[in-house]
N, C-alpha and C. Protein backbone atom coordinates (compact mmCIF):
# COMPACT_ATOMS: atom_id res chain seq x y z
N UNK A 1 -3.70 -20.67 2.14
CA UNK A 1 -2.97 -19.82 1.21
C UNK A 1 -3.22 -18.35 1.60
N UNK A 2 -2.17 -17.59 1.70
CA UNK A 2 -2.29 -16.18 2.10
C UNK A 2 -2.71 -15.33 0.93
N UNK A 3 -3.72 -14.50 1.12
CA UNK A 3 -4.17 -13.56 0.11
C UNK A 3 -4.27 -12.18 0.69
N UNK A 4 -3.85 -11.21 -0.14
CA UNK A 4 -4.03 -9.80 0.23
C UNK A 4 -5.02 -9.20 -0.74
N UNK A 5 -6.05 -8.54 -0.18
CA UNK A 5 -7.12 -8.00 -0.99
C UNK A 5 -7.23 -6.51 -0.75
N UNK A 6 -7.04 -5.73 -1.81
CA UNK A 6 -7.12 -4.27 -1.71
C UNK A 6 -8.53 -3.79 -2.01
N UNK A 7 -8.82 -2.63 -1.49
CA UNK A 7 -10.10 -1.95 -1.83
C UNK A 7 -9.91 -0.45 -1.68
N UNK A 8 -10.79 0.32 -2.29
CA UNK A 8 -10.74 1.77 -2.08
C UNK A 8 -10.24 2.59 -3.23
N UNK A 9 -9.77 1.96 -4.30
CA UNK A 9 -9.31 2.73 -5.42
C UNK A 9 -10.46 3.38 -6.16
N UNK A 10 -10.14 4.23 -7.14
CA UNK A 10 -11.17 4.86 -7.90
C UNK A 10 -10.67 6.11 -8.59
N UNK A 11 -11.63 6.92 -9.03
CA UNK A 11 -11.35 8.15 -9.76
C UNK A 11 -11.61 9.35 -8.85
N UNK A 12 -10.68 10.24 -8.81
CA UNK A 12 -10.83 11.45 -7.96
C UNK A 12 -10.19 12.64 -8.66
N UNK A 13 -10.67 13.82 -8.38
CA UNK A 13 -10.09 15.03 -8.97
C UNK A 13 -8.83 15.41 -8.19
N UNK A 14 -7.96 16.13 -8.89
CA UNK A 14 -6.75 16.63 -8.22
C UNK A 14 -7.12 17.44 -6.99
N UNK A 15 -6.36 17.20 -5.93
CA UNK A 15 -6.65 17.85 -4.66
C UNK A 15 -7.56 17.06 -3.74
N UNK A 16 -8.14 16.01 -4.27
CA UNK A 16 -9.02 15.18 -3.49
C UNK A 16 -8.33 14.11 -2.68
N UNK A 17 -9.12 13.26 -2.04
CA UNK A 17 -8.57 12.23 -1.16
C UNK A 17 -9.17 10.87 -1.48
N UNK A 18 -8.40 9.86 -1.20
CA UNK A 18 -8.85 8.46 -1.26
C UNK A 18 -8.20 7.71 -0.13
N UNK A 19 -8.87 6.65 0.30
CA UNK A 19 -8.30 5.77 1.31
C UNK A 19 -8.28 4.37 0.79
N UNK A 20 -7.09 3.77 0.72
CA UNK A 20 -6.93 2.38 0.30
C UNK A 20 -6.84 1.49 1.53
N UNK A 21 -7.45 0.34 1.43
CA UNK A 21 -7.41 -0.65 2.51
C UNK A 21 -6.94 -1.98 1.95
N UNK A 22 -6.27 -2.73 2.79
CA UNK A 22 -5.78 -4.05 2.39
C UNK A 22 -5.96 -4.98 3.56
N UNK A 23 -6.57 -6.14 3.29
CA UNK A 23 -6.78 -7.15 4.31
C UNK A 23 -6.14 -8.46 3.90
N UNK A 24 -5.50 -9.10 4.84
CA UNK A 24 -4.89 -10.39 4.60
C UNK A 24 -5.80 -11.51 5.10
N UNK A 25 -5.91 -12.54 4.30
CA UNK A 25 -6.68 -13.69 4.72
C UNK A 25 -5.88 -14.96 4.55
N UNK A 26 -6.21 -15.96 5.33
CA UNK A 26 -5.50 -17.24 5.20
C UNK A 26 -4.15 -17.27 5.88
N UNK A 27 -3.87 -16.23 6.67
CA UNK A 27 -2.57 -16.14 7.30
C UNK A 27 -2.65 -16.55 8.77
N UNK A 28 -1.67 -17.29 9.20
CA UNK A 28 -1.56 -17.66 10.61
C UNK A 28 -0.49 -16.87 11.31
N UNK A 29 0.08 -15.91 10.62
CA UNK A 29 1.16 -15.09 11.19
C UNK A 29 0.86 -13.63 10.91
N UNK A 30 1.54 -12.76 11.64
CA UNK A 30 1.49 -11.31 11.35
C UNK A 30 2.69 -10.97 10.49
N UNK A 31 2.46 -10.13 9.51
CA UNK A 31 3.56 -9.70 8.66
C UNK A 31 4.55 -8.85 9.44
N UNK A 32 5.82 -9.04 9.15
CA UNK A 32 6.85 -8.22 9.76
C UNK A 32 6.74 -6.78 9.27
N UNK A 33 6.42 -6.62 8.00
CA UNK A 33 6.24 -5.29 7.43
C UNK A 33 5.11 -5.36 6.43
N UNK A 34 4.41 -4.25 6.28
CA UNK A 34 3.38 -4.14 5.26
C UNK A 34 3.58 -2.82 4.53
N UNK A 35 3.06 -2.75 3.36
CA UNK A 35 3.26 -1.51 2.62
C UNK A 35 2.44 -1.39 1.38
N UNK A 36 2.64 -0.30 0.70
CA UNK A 36 1.96 0.00 -0.55
C UNK A 36 2.99 0.38 -1.61
N UNK A 37 2.82 -0.17 -2.77
CA UNK A 37 3.63 0.15 -3.92
C UNK A 37 2.70 0.57 -5.06
N UNK A 38 3.26 1.21 -6.06
CA UNK A 38 2.43 1.57 -7.21
C UNK A 38 3.24 1.40 -8.50
N UNK A 39 2.45 1.27 -9.57
CA UNK A 39 3.09 1.02 -10.88
C UNK A 39 2.25 1.65 -11.98
N UNK A 40 2.92 2.29 -12.89
CA UNK A 40 2.28 2.81 -14.10
C UNK A 40 2.82 2.05 -15.28
N UNK A 41 2.06 1.93 -16.35
CA UNK A 41 2.53 1.16 -17.52
C UNK A 41 3.89 1.63 -18.02
N UNK A 42 4.75 0.69 -18.27
CA UNK A 42 6.08 1.00 -18.79
C UNK A 42 7.11 1.36 -17.76
N UNK A 43 6.70 1.38 -16.50
CA UNK A 43 7.65 1.74 -15.44
C UNK A 43 7.71 0.65 -14.39
N UNK A 44 8.80 0.67 -13.61
CA UNK A 44 8.92 -0.29 -12.55
C UNK A 44 8.02 0.04 -11.39
N UNK A 45 7.64 -1.00 -10.67
CA UNK A 45 6.85 -0.79 -9.45
C UNK A 45 7.71 -0.03 -8.45
N UNK A 46 7.12 0.97 -7.82
CA UNK A 46 7.87 1.80 -6.88
C UNK A 46 7.22 1.80 -5.51
N UNK A 47 8.05 1.98 -4.51
CA UNK A 47 7.60 2.04 -3.15
C UNK A 47 6.81 3.34 -2.89
N UNK A 48 5.69 3.20 -2.21
CA UNK A 48 4.94 4.40 -1.78
C UNK A 48 5.14 4.61 -0.30
N UNK A 49 4.87 3.57 0.49
CA UNK A 49 5.02 3.68 1.93
C UNK A 49 5.07 2.28 2.51
N UNK A 50 5.81 2.16 3.61
CA UNK A 50 5.86 0.89 4.35
C UNK A 50 5.74 1.17 5.85
N UNK A 51 5.32 0.15 6.56
CA UNK A 51 5.19 0.26 8.00
C UNK A 51 5.58 -1.05 8.63
N UNK A 52 6.39 -0.98 9.68
CA UNK A 52 6.82 -2.18 10.36
C UNK A 52 5.78 -2.64 11.37
N UNK A 53 5.98 -3.82 11.93
CA UNK A 53 5.09 -4.29 12.96
C UNK A 53 5.12 -3.40 14.20
N UNK A 54 6.22 -2.69 14.36
CA UNK A 54 6.36 -1.77 15.50
C UNK A 54 5.83 -0.37 15.24
N UNK A 55 5.41 -0.14 13.98
CA UNK A 55 4.84 1.17 13.65
C UNK A 55 5.79 2.12 12.98
N UNK A 56 7.01 1.73 12.72
CA UNK A 56 7.94 2.62 12.03
C UNK A 56 7.51 2.73 10.56
N UNK A 57 7.51 3.96 10.06
CA UNK A 57 7.03 4.21 8.70
C UNK A 57 8.14 4.74 7.81
N UNK A 58 7.94 4.51 6.52
CA UNK A 58 8.87 5.00 5.50
C UNK A 58 8.05 5.42 4.30
N UNK A 59 8.32 6.62 3.77
CA UNK A 59 7.55 7.14 2.64
C UNK A 59 8.45 7.54 1.49
N UNK A 60 7.95 7.39 0.30
CA UNK A 60 8.60 7.96 -0.86
C UNK A 60 8.56 9.47 -0.73
N UNK A 61 9.62 10.13 -1.18
CA UNK A 61 9.68 11.59 -1.08
C UNK A 61 8.49 12.26 -1.76
N UNK A 62 8.00 11.66 -2.82
CA UNK A 62 6.92 12.27 -3.61
C UNK A 62 5.59 12.29 -2.88
N UNK A 63 5.46 11.49 -1.80
CA UNK A 63 4.17 11.44 -1.10
C UNK A 63 4.25 11.93 0.32
N UNK A 64 5.43 12.26 0.79
CA UNK A 64 5.59 12.73 2.16
C UNK A 64 4.74 13.95 2.43
N UNK A 65 4.05 13.92 3.55
CA UNK A 65 3.19 15.04 3.90
C UNK A 65 1.81 14.96 3.33
N UNK A 66 1.60 14.02 2.39
CA UNK A 66 0.28 13.91 1.74
C UNK A 66 -0.37 12.56 2.05
N UNK A 67 0.45 11.51 2.15
CA UNK A 67 -0.06 10.17 2.38
C UNK A 67 0.28 9.71 3.79
N UNK A 68 -0.59 8.91 4.38
CA UNK A 68 -0.34 8.36 5.70
C UNK A 68 -0.66 6.86 5.71
N UNK A 69 0.30 6.06 6.13
CA UNK A 69 0.09 4.63 6.20
C UNK A 69 -0.18 4.23 7.62
N UNK A 70 -1.06 3.26 7.82
CA UNK A 70 -1.36 2.75 9.15
C UNK A 70 -1.68 1.26 9.04
N UNK A 71 -1.58 0.55 10.17
CA UNK A 71 -1.87 -0.88 10.14
C UNK A 71 -2.47 -1.32 11.46
N UNK A 72 -3.17 -2.42 11.37
CA UNK A 72 -3.73 -3.08 12.55
C UNK A 72 -3.11 -4.49 12.61
N UNK A 73 -2.16 -4.67 13.49
CA UNK A 73 -1.47 -5.94 13.55
C UNK A 73 -2.37 -7.11 13.88
N UNK A 74 -3.32 -6.86 14.76
CA UNK A 74 -4.22 -7.92 15.16
C UNK A 74 -5.08 -8.41 14.00
N UNK A 75 -5.45 -7.47 13.13
CA UNK A 75 -6.32 -7.80 12.02
C UNK A 75 -5.54 -8.06 10.74
N UNK A 76 -4.25 -7.82 10.75
CA UNK A 76 -3.42 -7.99 9.57
C UNK A 76 -3.96 -7.13 8.41
N UNK A 77 -4.22 -5.88 8.71
CA UNK A 77 -4.66 -4.96 7.69
C UNK A 77 -3.73 -3.74 7.63
N UNK A 78 -3.71 -3.14 6.46
CA UNK A 78 -2.93 -1.90 6.29
C UNK A 78 -3.72 -0.95 5.41
N UNK A 79 -3.73 0.31 5.80
CA UNK A 79 -4.44 1.33 5.09
C UNK A 79 -3.48 2.39 4.59
N UNK A 80 -3.94 3.10 3.53
CA UNK A 80 -3.17 4.23 3.03
C UNK A 80 -4.14 5.39 2.80
N UNK A 81 -4.01 6.41 3.59
CA UNK A 81 -4.81 7.62 3.44
C UNK A 81 -4.05 8.55 2.50
N UNK A 82 -4.69 8.90 1.38
CA UNK A 82 -4.04 9.71 0.38
C UNK A 82 -4.78 11.05 0.26
N UNK A 83 -4.11 12.12 0.60
CA UNK A 83 -4.69 13.47 0.51
C UNK A 83 -3.95 14.29 -0.53
N UNK A 84 -4.55 15.38 -0.91
CA UNK A 84 -3.93 16.31 -1.87
C UNK A 84 -3.42 15.55 -3.09
N UNK A 85 -4.25 14.71 -3.62
CA UNK A 85 -3.82 13.86 -4.75
C UNK A 85 -3.48 14.69 -5.96
N UNK A 86 -2.50 14.20 -6.72
CA UNK A 86 -2.03 14.84 -7.94
C UNK A 86 -2.19 13.90 -9.11
N UNK A 87 -2.32 14.40 -10.33
CA UNK A 87 -2.41 13.51 -11.48
C UNK A 87 -1.26 12.50 -11.55
N UNK A 88 -0.08 12.89 -11.10
CA UNK A 88 1.05 11.98 -11.14
C UNK A 88 0.96 10.83 -10.12
N UNK A 89 -0.06 10.86 -9.27
CA UNK A 89 -0.30 9.75 -8.37
C UNK A 89 -1.09 8.65 -9.03
N UNK A 90 -1.57 8.90 -10.25
CA UNK A 90 -2.31 7.91 -10.98
C UNK A 90 -1.45 6.66 -11.23
N UNK A 91 -1.97 5.52 -10.82
CA UNK A 91 -1.22 4.26 -10.93
C UNK A 91 -2.10 3.13 -10.42
N UNK A 92 -1.60 1.90 -10.61
CA UNK A 92 -2.17 0.75 -9.92
C UNK A 92 -1.41 0.62 -8.61
N UNK A 93 -2.16 0.56 -7.52
CA UNK A 93 -1.55 0.48 -6.19
C UNK A 93 -1.65 -0.98 -5.71
N UNK A 94 -0.52 -1.46 -5.21
CA UNK A 94 -0.45 -2.83 -4.73
C UNK A 94 -0.13 -2.87 -3.24
N UNK A 95 -0.83 -3.73 -2.55
CA UNK A 95 -0.55 -3.98 -1.13
C UNK A 95 0.54 -5.05 -1.04
N UNK A 96 1.41 -4.89 -0.07
CA UNK A 96 2.52 -5.82 0.11
C UNK A 96 2.63 -6.23 1.57
N UNK A 97 2.90 -7.50 1.79
CA UNK A 97 3.18 -7.99 3.14
C UNK A 97 4.45 -8.79 3.12
N UNK A 98 5.31 -8.59 4.11
CA UNK A 98 6.61 -9.23 4.16
C UNK A 98 6.70 -10.12 5.39
N UNK A 99 7.10 -11.35 5.14
CA UNK A 99 7.38 -12.27 6.24
C UNK A 99 8.90 -12.50 6.25
N UNK A 100 9.54 -12.15 7.32
CA UNK A 100 10.97 -12.35 7.43
C UNK A 100 11.28 -13.82 7.62
N UNK A 101 12.28 -14.31 6.89
CA UNK A 101 12.75 -15.67 7.01
C UNK A 101 14.17 -15.66 7.59
N UNK A 102 14.60 -16.81 8.00
CA UNK A 102 15.94 -16.88 8.56
C UNK A 102 16.99 -16.45 7.56
N UNK A 103 16.74 -16.77 6.28
CA UNK A 103 17.73 -16.47 5.22
C UNK A 103 17.18 -15.52 4.18
N UNK A 104 16.23 -14.73 4.53
CA UNK A 104 15.71 -13.77 3.53
C UNK A 104 14.32 -13.30 3.89
N UNK A 105 13.47 -13.18 2.89
CA UNK A 105 12.13 -12.68 3.11
C UNK A 105 11.20 -13.29 2.11
N UNK A 106 9.93 -13.29 2.47
CA UNK A 106 8.89 -13.79 1.58
C UNK A 106 7.89 -12.66 1.38
N UNK A 107 7.69 -12.24 0.14
CA UNK A 107 6.76 -11.15 -0.18
C UNK A 107 5.44 -11.67 -0.66
N UNK A 108 4.39 -11.07 -0.17
CA UNK A 108 3.04 -11.37 -0.64
C UNK A 108 2.47 -10.08 -1.25
N UNK A 109 1.71 -10.26 -2.35
CA UNK A 109 1.18 -9.12 -3.07
C UNK A 109 -0.31 -9.26 -3.28
N UNK A 110 -0.99 -8.12 -3.26
CA UNK A 110 -2.40 -8.08 -3.65
C UNK A 110 -2.50 -8.00 -5.16
N UNK A 111 -3.74 -7.98 -5.64
CA UNK A 111 -3.96 -7.98 -7.07
C UNK A 111 -3.88 -6.58 -7.68
N UNK A 112 -3.91 -5.58 -6.82
CA UNK A 112 -3.79 -4.19 -7.29
C UNK A 112 -5.14 -3.52 -7.40
N UNK A 113 -5.13 -2.22 -7.15
CA UNK A 113 -6.33 -1.39 -7.29
C UNK A 113 -5.97 -0.10 -8.01
N UNK A 114 -6.78 0.27 -8.99
CA UNK A 114 -6.50 1.44 -9.82
C UNK A 114 -6.87 2.72 -9.08
N UNK A 115 -5.92 3.67 -9.11
CA UNK A 115 -6.20 5.03 -8.62
C UNK A 115 -5.95 5.96 -9.79
N UNK A 116 -6.95 6.73 -10.13
CA UNK A 116 -6.87 7.70 -11.22
C UNK A 116 -7.19 9.09 -10.71
N UNK A 117 -6.25 10.02 -10.91
CA UNK A 117 -6.44 11.38 -10.44
C UNK A 117 -6.53 12.29 -11.67
N UNK A 118 -7.67 12.92 -11.84
CA UNK A 118 -7.89 13.79 -13.01
C UNK A 118 -7.46 15.22 -12.69
N UNK A 119 -7.00 15.89 -13.72
CA UNK A 119 -6.56 17.28 -13.53
C UNK A 119 -7.67 18.28 -13.72
């Protein structure tokens, strides 16, 4: 059974940095894409950043220039370096892995890690 396990969340002051890490276990394949999403209570989960197996990245406008996503395909891990954090970055951050199927995709999710940015 494939599991994604996040680590690195916590409490930080505005302007500070955090690094989130996500490791996949139980997988016999490499994810086609990996990424990070976040969610605050009462709102939909939103994309933060994604990275393909080839290294192409995509960022939400709100984090461009502040966050950097990276992955290690051999280890099936994905990291998110978050700099210049703002209170509005406070959310539960979820790791995501995507396996492409012939007729669609299969998404795997971590359990989430809390990031709190104080003003």
